[in-house]
Amino acid sequence: MKLRIWGLTALMLATGAQAQPEFKNYTAPGNLESTVKLGCIAQSEIKTSYNPVDLYIGARACMDADNYERAVELFQMANIFGRYDM
């Protein structure tokens, strides 16, 4: 059995059977621009129309106001919005 696995592995390496993924990065003009001027808003006030940049700016406003709990909430939501493209 081990000989068969080694044989298959050697065959795959010899034939270049290693798939290389192809990545495409699509961008659109204005996709990283802030569309809303947010202040230090509560998590309950977040709308799906906000983009991550808006939420990061809001998090910065919270840090400037020494409201670190809200800053963390907005920062986390910005990360979620950016990762899952909400």
PDB file of N, CA and C in Angstrom:
ATOM      1  N   MET A   1       0.821  -1.199   0.000  1.00  0.00           N
ATOM      2  CA  MET A   1       0.000   0.000   0.000  1.00  0.00           C
ATOM      3  C   MET A   1       0.863   1.262   0.000  1.00  0.00           C
ATOM      4  N   LYS A   2       1.922   1.255   0.839  1.00  0.00           N
ATOM      5  CA  LYS A   2       2.805   2.428   0.897  1.00  0.00           C
ATOM      6  C   LYS A   2       3.491   2.640  -0.448  1.00  0.00           C
ATOM      7  N   LEU A   3       3.868   1.543  -1.094  1.00  0.00           N
ATOM      8  CA  LEU A   3       4.525   1.641  -2.391  1.00  0.00           C
ATOM      9  C   LEU A   3       3.590   2.269  -3.422  1.00  0.00           C
ATOM     10  N   ARG A   4       2.309   1.929  -3.359  1.00  0.00           N
ATOM     11  CA  ARG A   4       1.328   2.477  -4.293  1.00  0.00           C
ATOM     12  C   ARG A   4       1.161   3.983  -4.073  1.00  0.00           C
ATOM     13  N   ILE A   5       1.110   4.417  -2.796  1.00  0.00           N
ATOM     14  CA  ILE A   5       0.975   5.849  -2.492  1.00  0.00           C
ATOM     15  C   ILE A   5       2.196   6.609  -2.976  1.00  0.00           C
ATOM     16  N   TRP A   6       3.391   6.062  -2.722  1.00  0.00           N
ATOM     17  CA  TRP A   6       4.612   6.721  -3.179  1.00  0.00           C
ATOM     18  C   TRP A   6       4.648   6.790  -4.697  1.00  0.00           C
ATOM     19  N   GLY A   7       4.196   5.742  -5.349  1.00  0.00           N
ATOM     20  CA  GLY A   7       4.175   5.725  -6.811  1.00  0.00           C
ATOM     21  C   GLY A   7       3.245   6.775  -7.375  1.00  0.00           C
ATOM     22  N   LEU A   8       2.057   6.891  -6.785  1.00  0.00           N
ATOM     23  CA  LEU A   8       1.104   7.910  -7.241  1.00  0.00           C
ATOM     24  C   LEU A   8       1.622   9.316  -6.984  1.00  0.00           C
ATOM     25  N   THR A   9       2.253   9.511  -5.833  1.00  0.00           N
ATOM     26  CA  THR A   9       2.825  10.824  -5.512  1.00  0.00           C
ATOM     27  C   THR A   9       3.918  11.186  -6.507  1.00  0.00           C
ATOM     28  N   ALA A  10       4.798  10.239  -6.808  1.00  0.00           N
ATOM     29  CA  ALA A  10       5.874  10.486  -7.767  1.00  0.00           C
ATOM     30  C   ALA A  10       5.315  10.782  -9.145  1.00  0.00           C
ATOM     31  N   LEU A  11       4.262  10.070  -9.546  1.00  0.00           N
ATOM     32  CA  LEU A  11       3.641  10.300 -10.846  1.00  0.00           C
ATOM     33  C   LEU A  11       3.035  11.694 -10.926  1.00  0.00           C
ATOM     34  N   MET A  12       2.361  12.123  -9.847  1.00  0.00           N
ATOM     35  CA  MET A  12       1.762  13.456  -9.833  1.00  0.00           C
ATOM     36  C   MET A  12       2.828  14.542  -9.920  1.00  0.00           C
ATOM     37  N   LEU A  13       3.919  14.367  -9.203  1.00  0.00           N
ATOM     38  CA  LEU A  13       4.993  15.364  -9.235  1.00  0.00           C
ATOM     39  C   LEU A  13       5.674  15.394 -10.587  1.00  0.00           C
ATOM     40  N   ALA A  14       5.852  14.234 -11.177  1.00  0.00           N
ATOM     41  CA  ALA A  14       6.537  14.157 -12.464  1.00  0.00           C
ATOM     42  C   ALA A  14       5.705  14.754 -13.591  1.00  0.00           C
ATOM     43  N   THR A  15       4.395  14.645 -13.499  1.00  0.00           N
ATOM     44  CA  THR A  15       3.540  15.150 -14.571  1.00  0.00           C
ATOM     45  C   THR A  15       3.079  16.584 -14.329  1.00  0.00           C
ATOM     46  N   GLY A  16       3.503  17.153 -13.228  1.00  0.00           N
ATOM     47  CA  GLY A  16       3.115  18.540 -12.929  1.00  0.00           C
ATOM     48  C   GLY A  16       1.640  18.672 -12.613  1.00  0.00           C
ATOM     49  N   ALA A  17       1.101  17.715 -11.912  1.00  0.00           N
ATOM     50  CA  ALA A  17      -0.330  17.695 -11.609  1.00  0.00           C
ATOM     51  C   ALA A  17      -0.685  18.588 -10.429  1.00  0.00           C
ATOM     52  N   GLN A  18       0.127  19.555 -10.150  1.00  0.00           N
ATOM     53  CA  GLN A  18      -0.149  20.475  -9.057  1.00  0.00           C
ATOM     54  C   GLN A  18      -0.927  21.657  -9.616  1.00  0.00           C
ATOM     55  N   ALA A  19      -2.161  21.762  -9.226  1.00  0.00           N
ATOM     56  CA  ALA A  19      -3.010  22.841  -9.722  1.00  0.00           C
ATOM     57  C   ALA A  19      -2.609  24.164  -9.076  1.00  0.00           C
ATOM     58  N   GLN A  20      -2.465  25.174  -9.876  1.00  0.00           N
ATOM     59  CA  GLN A  20      -2.165  26.508  -9.396  1.00  0.00           C
ATOM     60  C   GLN A  20      -3.442  27.341  -9.485  1.00  0.00           C
ATOM     61  N   PRO A  21      -3.933  27.834  -8.362  1.00  0.00           N
ATOM     62  CA  PRO A  21      -5.172  28.616  -8.419  1.00  0.00           C
ATOM     63  C   PRO A  21      -4.947  29.934  -9.152  1.00  0.00           C
ATOM     64  N   GLU A  22      -5.985  30.384  -9.795  1.00  0.00           N
ATOM     65  CA  GLU A  22      -5.924  31.660 -10.494  1.00  0.00           C
ATOM     66  C   GLU A  22      -6.750  32.673  -9.717  1.00  0.00           C
ATOM     67  N   PHE A  23      -6.132  33.759  -9.326  1.00  0.00           N
ATOM     68  CA  PHE A  23      -6.810  34.783  -8.549  1.00  0.00           C
ATOM     69  C   PHE A  23      -7.073  35.988  -9.431  1.00  0.00           C
ATOM     70  N   LYS A  24      -8.245  36.550  -9.278  1.00  0.00           N
ATOM     71  CA  LYS A  24      -8.593  37.778  -9.985  1.00  0.00           C
ATOM     72  C   LYS A  24      -9.033  38.798  -8.946  1.00  0.00           C
ATOM     73  N   ASN A  25      -8.558  39.979  -9.088  1.00  0.00           N
ATOM     74  CA  ASN A  25      -8.905  41.047  -8.174  1.00  0.00           C
ATOM     75  C   ASN A  25      -9.691  42.088  -8.957  1.00  0.00           C
ATOM     76  N   TYR A  26     -10.969  42.203  -8.645  1.00  0.00           N
ATOM     77  CA  TYR A  26     -11.826  43.156  -9.323  1.00  0.00           C
ATOM     78  C   TYR A  26     -11.963  44.409  -8.465  1.00  0.00           C
ATOM     79  N   THR A  27     -11.814  45.538  -9.081  1.00  0.00           N
ATOM     80  CA  THR A  27     -12.000  46.799  -8.365  1.00  0.00           C
ATOM     81  C   THR A  27     -12.925  47.694  -9.166  1.00  0.00           C
ATOM     82  N   ALA A  28     -13.550  48.592  -8.474  1.00  0.00           N
ATOM     83  CA  ALA A  28     -14.441  49.552  -9.105  1.00  0.00           C
ATOM     84  C   ALA A  28     -14.063  50.938  -8.598  1.00  0.00           C
ATOM     85  N   PRO A  29     -14.176  51.936  -9.433  1.00  0.00           N
ATOM     86  CA  PRO A  29     -13.861  53.297  -8.991  1.00  0.00           C
ATOM     87  C   PRO A  29     -14.720  53.690  -7.789  1.00  0.00           C
ATOM     88  N   GLY A  30     -14.070  54.206  -6.761  1.00  0.00           N
ATOM     89  CA  GLY A  30     -14.775  54.675  -5.581  1.00  0.00           C
ATOM     90  C   GLY A  30     -15.121  53.601  -4.571  1.00  0.00           C
ATOM     91  N   ASN A  31     -14.637  52.369  -4.769  1.00  0.00           N
ATOM     92  CA  ASN A  31     -15.040  51.310  -3.852  1.00  0.00           C
ATOM     93  C   ASN A  31     -14.403  51.427  -2.475  1.00  0.00           C
ATOM     94  N   LEU A  32     -13.373  52.228  -2.322  1.00  0.00           N
ATOM     95  CA  LEU A  32     -12.737  52.396  -1.019  1.00  0.00           C
ATOM     96  C   LEU A  32     -12.951  53.794  -0.450  1.00  0.00           C
ATOM     97  N   GLU A  33     -13.944  54.479  -0.952  1.00  0.00           N
ATOM     98  CA  GLU A  33     -14.217  55.829  -0.476  1.00  0.00           C
ATOM     99  C   GLU A  33     -15.334  55.810   0.569  1.00  0.00           C
ATOM    100  N   SER A  34     -15.234  56.719   1.485  1.00  0.00           N
ATOM    101  CA  SER A  34     -16.278  56.857   2.499  1.00  0.00           C
ATOM    102  C   SER A  34     -17.466  57.568   1.871  1.00  0.00           C
ATOM    103  N   THR A  35     -18.642  57.008   2.047  1.00  0.00           N
ATOM    104  CA  THR A  35     -19.845  57.606   1.468  1.00  0.00           C
ATOM    105  C   THR A  35     -20.694  58.330   2.505  1.00  0.00           C
ATOM    106  N   VAL A  36     -20.431  58.066   3.781  1.00  0.00           N
ATOM    107  CA  VAL A  36     -21.207  58.661   4.868  1.00  0.00           C
ATOM    108  C   VAL A  36     -20.233  59.141   5.935  1.00  0.00           C
ATOM    109  N   LYS A  37     -20.482  60.302   6.471  1.00  0.00           N
ATOM    110  CA  LYS A  37     -19.649  60.814   7.559  1.00  0.00           C
ATOM    111  C   LYS A  37     -20.240  60.360   8.888  1.00  0.00           C
ATOM    112  N   LEU A  38     -19.683  59.281   9.432  1.00  0.00           N
ATOM    113  CA  LEU A  38     -20.183  58.743  10.697  1.00  0.00           C
ATOM    114  C   LEU A  38     -19.410  59.326  11.862  1.00  0.00           C
ATOM    115  N   GLY A  39     -20.116  59.550  12.922  1.00  0.00           N
ATOM    116  CA  GLY A  39     -19.482  59.892  14.178  1.00  0.00           C
ATOM    117  C   GLY A  39     -19.341  58.617  14.995  1.00  0.00           C
ATOM    118  N   CYS A  40     -19.297  58.758  16.270  1.00  0.00           N
ATOM    119  CA  CYS A  40     -19.196  57.610  17.171  1.00  0.00           C
ATOM    120  C   CYS A  40     -20.605  57.062  17.394  1.00  0.00           C
ATOM    121  N   ILE A  41     -21.050  56.197  16.508  1.00  0.00           N
ATOM    122  CA  ILE A  41     -22.409  55.664  16.591  1.00  0.00           C
ATOM    123  C   ILE A  41     -22.433  54.346  17.351  1.00  0.00           C
ATOM    124  N   ALA A  42     -23.601  53.992  17.860  1.00  0.00           N
ATOM    125  CA  ALA A  42     -23.779  52.718  18.551  1.00  0.00           C
ATOM    126  C   ALA A  42     -23.894  51.597  17.524  1.00  0.00           C
ATOM    127  N   GLN A  43     -23.588  50.397  17.949  1.00  0.00           N
ATOM    128  CA  GLN A  43     -23.654  49.247  17.055  1.00  0.00           C
ATOM    129  C   GLN A  43     -25.078  49.062  16.511  1.00  0.00           C
ATOM    130  N   SER A  44     -26.078  49.396  17.292  1.00  0.00           N
ATOM    131  CA  SER A  44     -27.469  49.256  16.857  1.00  0.00           C
ATOM    132  C   SER A  44     -27.838  50.226  15.735  1.00  0.00           C
ATOM    133  N   GLU A  45     -27.029  51.257  15.526  1.00  0.00           N
ATOM    134  CA  GLU A  45     -27.290  52.246  14.484  1.00  0.00           C
ATOM    135  C   GLU A  45     -26.616  51.912  13.153  1.00  0.00           C
ATOM    136  N   ILE A  46     -25.857  50.840  13.105  1.00  0.00           N
ATOM    137  CA  ILE A  46     -25.145  50.471  11.883  1.00  0.00           C
ATOM    138  C   ILE A  46     -26.141  49.982  10.848  1.00  0.00           C
ATOM    139  N   LYS A  47     -25.971  50.464   9.615  1.00  0.00           N
ATOM    140  CA  LYS A  47     -26.833  50.054   8.499  1.00  0.00           C
ATOM    141  C   LYS A  47     -25.999  49.264   7.494  1.00  0.00           C
ATOM    142  N   THR A  48     -26.662  48.415   6.746  1.00  0.00           N
ATOM    143  CA  THR A  48     -25.945  47.630   5.737  1.00  0.00           C
ATOM    144  C   THR A  48     -25.477  48.496   4.572  1.00  0.00           C
ATOM    145  N   SER A  49     -25.979  49.704   4.472  1.00  0.00           N
ATOM    146  CA  SER A  49     -25.532  50.598   3.396  1.00  0.00           C
ATOM    147  C   SER A  49     -24.161  51.210   3.695  1.00  0.00           C
ATOM    148  N   TYR A  50     -23.708  51.119   4.941  1.00  0.00           N
ATOM    149  CA  TYR A  50     -22.375  51.624   5.280  1.00  0.00           C
ATOM    150  C   TYR A  50     -21.318  50.665   4.744  1.00  0.00           C
ATOM    151  N   ASN A  51     -20.204  51.216   4.315  1.00  0.00           N
ATOM    152  CA  ASN A  51     -19.104  50.362   3.883  1.00  0.00           C
ATOM    153  C   ASN A  51     -18.043  50.318   4.989  1.00  0.00           C
ATOM    154  N   PRO A  52     -17.065  49.426   4.876  1.00  0.00           N
ATOM    155  CA  PRO A  52     -16.053  49.320   5.936  1.00  0.00           C
ATOM    156  C   PRO A  52     -15.324  50.625   6.223  1.00  0.00           C
ATOM    157  N   VAL A  53     -15.069  51.414   5.194  1.00  0.00           N
ATOM    158  CA  VAL A  53     -14.353  52.681   5.402  1.00  0.00           C
ATOM    159  C   VAL A  53     -15.171  53.608   6.298  1.00  0.00           C
ATOM    160  N   ASP A  54     -16.477  53.652   6.070  1.00  0.00           N
ATOM    161  CA  ASP A  54     -17.350  54.474   6.929  1.00  0.00           C
ATOM    162  C   ASP A  54     -17.228  54.040   8.384  1.00  0.00           C
ATOM    163  N   LEU A  55     -17.246  52.729   8.605  1.00  0.00           N
ATOM    164  CA  LEU A  55     -17.197  52.208   9.975  1.00  0.00           C
ATOM    165  C   LEU A  55     -15.839  52.437  10.623  1.00  0.00           C
ATOM    166  N   TYR A  56     -14.759  52.350   9.841  1.00  0.00           N
ATOM    167  CA  TYR A  56     -13.431  52.642  10.403  1.00  0.00           C
ATOM    168  C   TYR A  56     -13.331  54.113  10.813  1.00  0.00           C
ATOM    169  N   ILE A  57     -13.913  54.995  10.009  1.00  0.00           N
ATOM    170  CA  ILE A  57     -13.909  56.418  10.359  1.00  0.00           C
ATOM    171  C   ILE A  57     -14.727  56.640  11.639  1.00  0.00           C
ATOM    172  N   GLY A  58     -15.845  55.930  11.758  1.00  0.00           N
ATOM    173  CA  GLY A  58     -16.635  56.011  12.985  1.00  0.00           C
ATOM    174  C   GLY A  58     -15.866  55.494  14.189  1.00  0.00           C
ATOM    175  N   ALA A  59     -15.111  54.412  13.985  1.00  0.00           N
ATOM    176  CA  ALA A  59     -14.292  53.869  15.077  1.00  0.00           C
ATOM    177  C   ALA A  59     -13.245  54.887  15.510  1.00  0.00           C
ATOM    178  N   ARG A  60     -12.677  55.587  14.555  1.00  0.00           N
ATOM    179  CA  ARG A  60     -11.688  56.623  14.884  1.00  0.00           C
ATOM    180  C   ARG A  60     -12.335  57.754  15.689  1.00  0.00           C
ATOM    181  N   ALA A  61     -13.564  58.109  15.314  1.00  0.00           N
ATOM    182  CA  ALA A  61     -14.277  59.158  16.054  1.00  0.00           C
ATOM    183  C   ALA A  61     -14.520  58.711  17.499  1.00  0.00           C
ATOM    184  N   CYS A  62     -14.811  57.431  17.679  1.00  0.00           N
ATOM    185  CA  CYS A  62     -15.009  56.910  19.039  1.00  0.00           C
ATOM    186  C   CYS A  62     -13.707  56.950  19.837  1.00  0.00           C
ATOM    187  N   MET A  63     -12.590  56.608  19.193  1.00  0.00           N
ATOM    188  CA  MET A  63     -11.299  56.658  19.895  1.00  0.00           C
ATOM    189  C   MET A  63     -10.960  58.084  20.290  1.00  0.00           C
ATOM    190  N   ASP A  64     -11.254  59.025  19.392  1.00  0.00           N
ATOM    191  CA  ASP A  64     -10.991  60.433  19.706  1.00  0.00           C
ATOM    192  C   ASP A  64     -11.840  60.908  20.887  1.00  0.00           C
ATOM    193  N   ALA A  65     -13.028  60.299  21.042  1.00  0.00           N
ATOM    194  CA  ALA A  65     -13.926  60.656  22.148  1.00  0.00           C
ATOM    195  C   ALA A  65     -13.698  59.784  23.381  1.00  0.00           C
ATOM    196  N   ASP A  66     -12.636  58.984  23.380  1.00  0.00           N
ATOM    197  CA  ASP A  66     -12.302  58.077  24.485  1.00  0.00           C
ATOM    198  C   ASP A  66     -13.404  57.057  24.779  1.00  0.00           C
ATOM    199  N   ASN A  67     -14.177  56.713  23.759  1.00  0.00           N
ATOM    200  CA  ASN A  67     -15.222  55.694  23.900  1.00  0.00           C
ATOM    201  C   ASN A  67     -14.701  54.425  23.217  1.00  0.00           C
ATOM    202  N   TYR A  68     -13.831  53.723  23.921  1.00  0.00           N
ATOM    203  CA  TYR A  68     -13.117  52.591  23.323  1.00  0.00           C
ATOM    204  C   TYR A  68     -14.011  51.369  23.119  1.00  0.00           C
ATOM    205  N   GLU A  69     -15.041  51.225  23.926  1.00  0.00           N
ATOM    206  CA  GLU A  69     -15.953  50.088  23.746  1.00  0.00           C
ATOM    207  C   GLU A  69     -16.676  50.187  22.400  1.00  0.00           C
ATOM    208  N   ARG A  70     -17.178  51.360  22.096  1.00  0.00           N
ATOM    209  CA  ARG A  70     -17.837  51.561  20.793  1.00  0.00           C
ATOM    210  C   ARG A  70     -16.824  51.490  19.657  1.00  0.00           C
ATOM    211  N   ALA A  71     -15.625  51.980  19.891  1.00  0.00           N
ATOM    212  CA  ALA A  71     -14.595  51.926  18.852  1.00  0.00           C
ATOM    213  C   ALA A  71     -14.308  50.479  18.459  1.00  0.00           C
ATOM    214  N   VAL A  72     -14.210  49.611  19.447  1.00  0.00           N
ATOM    215  CA  VAL A  72     -13.960  48.191  19.167  1.00  0.00           C
ATOM    216  C   VAL A  72     -15.134  47.590  18.408  1.00  0.00           C
ATOM    217  N   GLU A  73     -16.353  47.922  18.815  1.00  0.00           N
ATOM    218  CA  GLU A  73     -17.537  47.397  18.124  1.00  0.00           C
ATOM    219  C   GLU A  73     -17.536  47.806  16.654  1.00  0.00           C
ATOM    220  N   LEU A  74     -17.282  49.088  16.388  1.00  0.00           N
ATOM    221  CA  LEU A  74     -17.272  49.558  14.999  1.00  0.00           C
ATOM    222  C   LEU A  74     -16.117  48.951  14.207  1.00  0.00           C
ATOM    223  N   PHE A  75     -14.968  48.813  14.850  1.00  0.00           N
ATOM    224  CA  PHE A  75     -13.817  48.206  14.185  1.00  0.00           C
ATOM    225  C   PHE A  75     -14.120  46.759  13.806  1.00  0.00           C
ATOM    226  N   GLN A  76     -14.733  46.026  14.718  1.00  0.00           N
ATOM    227  CA  GLN A  76     -15.082  44.629  14.431  1.00  0.00           C
ATOM    228  C   GLN A  76     -16.111  44.536  13.313  1.00  0.00           C
ATOM    229  N   MET A  77     -17.091  45.399  13.335  1.00  0.00           N
ATOM    230  CA  MET A  77     -18.105  45.369  12.276  1.00  0.00           C
ATOM    231  C   MET A  77     -17.504  45.764  10.926  1.00  0.00           C
ATOM    232  N   ALA A  78     -16.573  46.700  10.923  1.00  0.00           N
ATOM    233  CA  ALA A  78     -15.909  47.065   9.674  1.00  0.00           C
ATOM    234  C   ALA A  78     -15.145  45.870   9.113  1.00  0.00           C
ATOM    235  N   ASN A  79     -14.478  45.136   9.979  1.00  0.00           N
ATOM    236  CA  ASN A  79     -13.773  43.927   9.532  1.00  0.00           C
ATOM    237  C   ASN A  79     -14.746  42.901   8.965  1.00  0.00           C
ATOM    238  N   ILE A  80     -15.874  42.720   9.623  1.00  0.00           N
ATOM    239  CA  ILE A  80     -16.880  41.756   9.151  1.00  0.00           C
ATOM    240  C   ILE A  80     -17.444  42.209   7.811  1.00  0.00           C
ATOM    241  N   PHE A  81     -17.794  43.489   7.699  1.00  0.00           N
ATOM    242  CA  PHE A  81     -18.332  43.999   6.445  1.00  0.00           C
ATOM    243  C   PHE A  81     -17.315  43.822   5.314  1.00  0.00           C
ATOM    244  N   GLY A  82     -16.057  44.073   5.614  1.00  0.00           N
ATOM    245  CA  GLY A  82     -15.021  43.938   4.579  1.00  0.00           C
ATOM    246  C   GLY A  82     -14.771  42.503   4.187  1.00  0.00           C
ATOM    247  N   ARG A  83     -14.801  41.611   5.146  1.00  0.00           N
ATOM    248  CA  ARG A  83     -14.518  40.203   4.860  1.00  0.00           C
ATOM    249  C   ARG A  83     -15.657  39.538   4.109  1.00  0.00           C
ATOM    250  N   TYR A  84     -16.875  39.827   4.505  1.00  0.00           N
ATOM    251  CA  TYR A  84     -18.029  39.147   3.923  1.00  0.00           C
ATOM    252  C   TYR A  84     -18.778  39.999   2.916  1.00  0.00           C
ATOM    253  N   ASP A  85     -18.228  41.160   2.581  1.00  0.00           N
ATOM    254  CA  ASP A  85     -18.776  42.028   1.535  1.00  0.00           C
ATOM    255  C   ASP A  85     -20.261  42.267   1.737  1.00  0.00           C
ATOM    256  N   MET A  86     -20.593  42.778   2.913  1.00  0.00           N
ATOM    257  CA  MET A  86     -22.008  43.015   3.233  1.00  0.00           C
ATOM    258  C   MET A  86     -22.444  44.356   2.699  1.00  0.00           C
TER     259      MET A  86
END
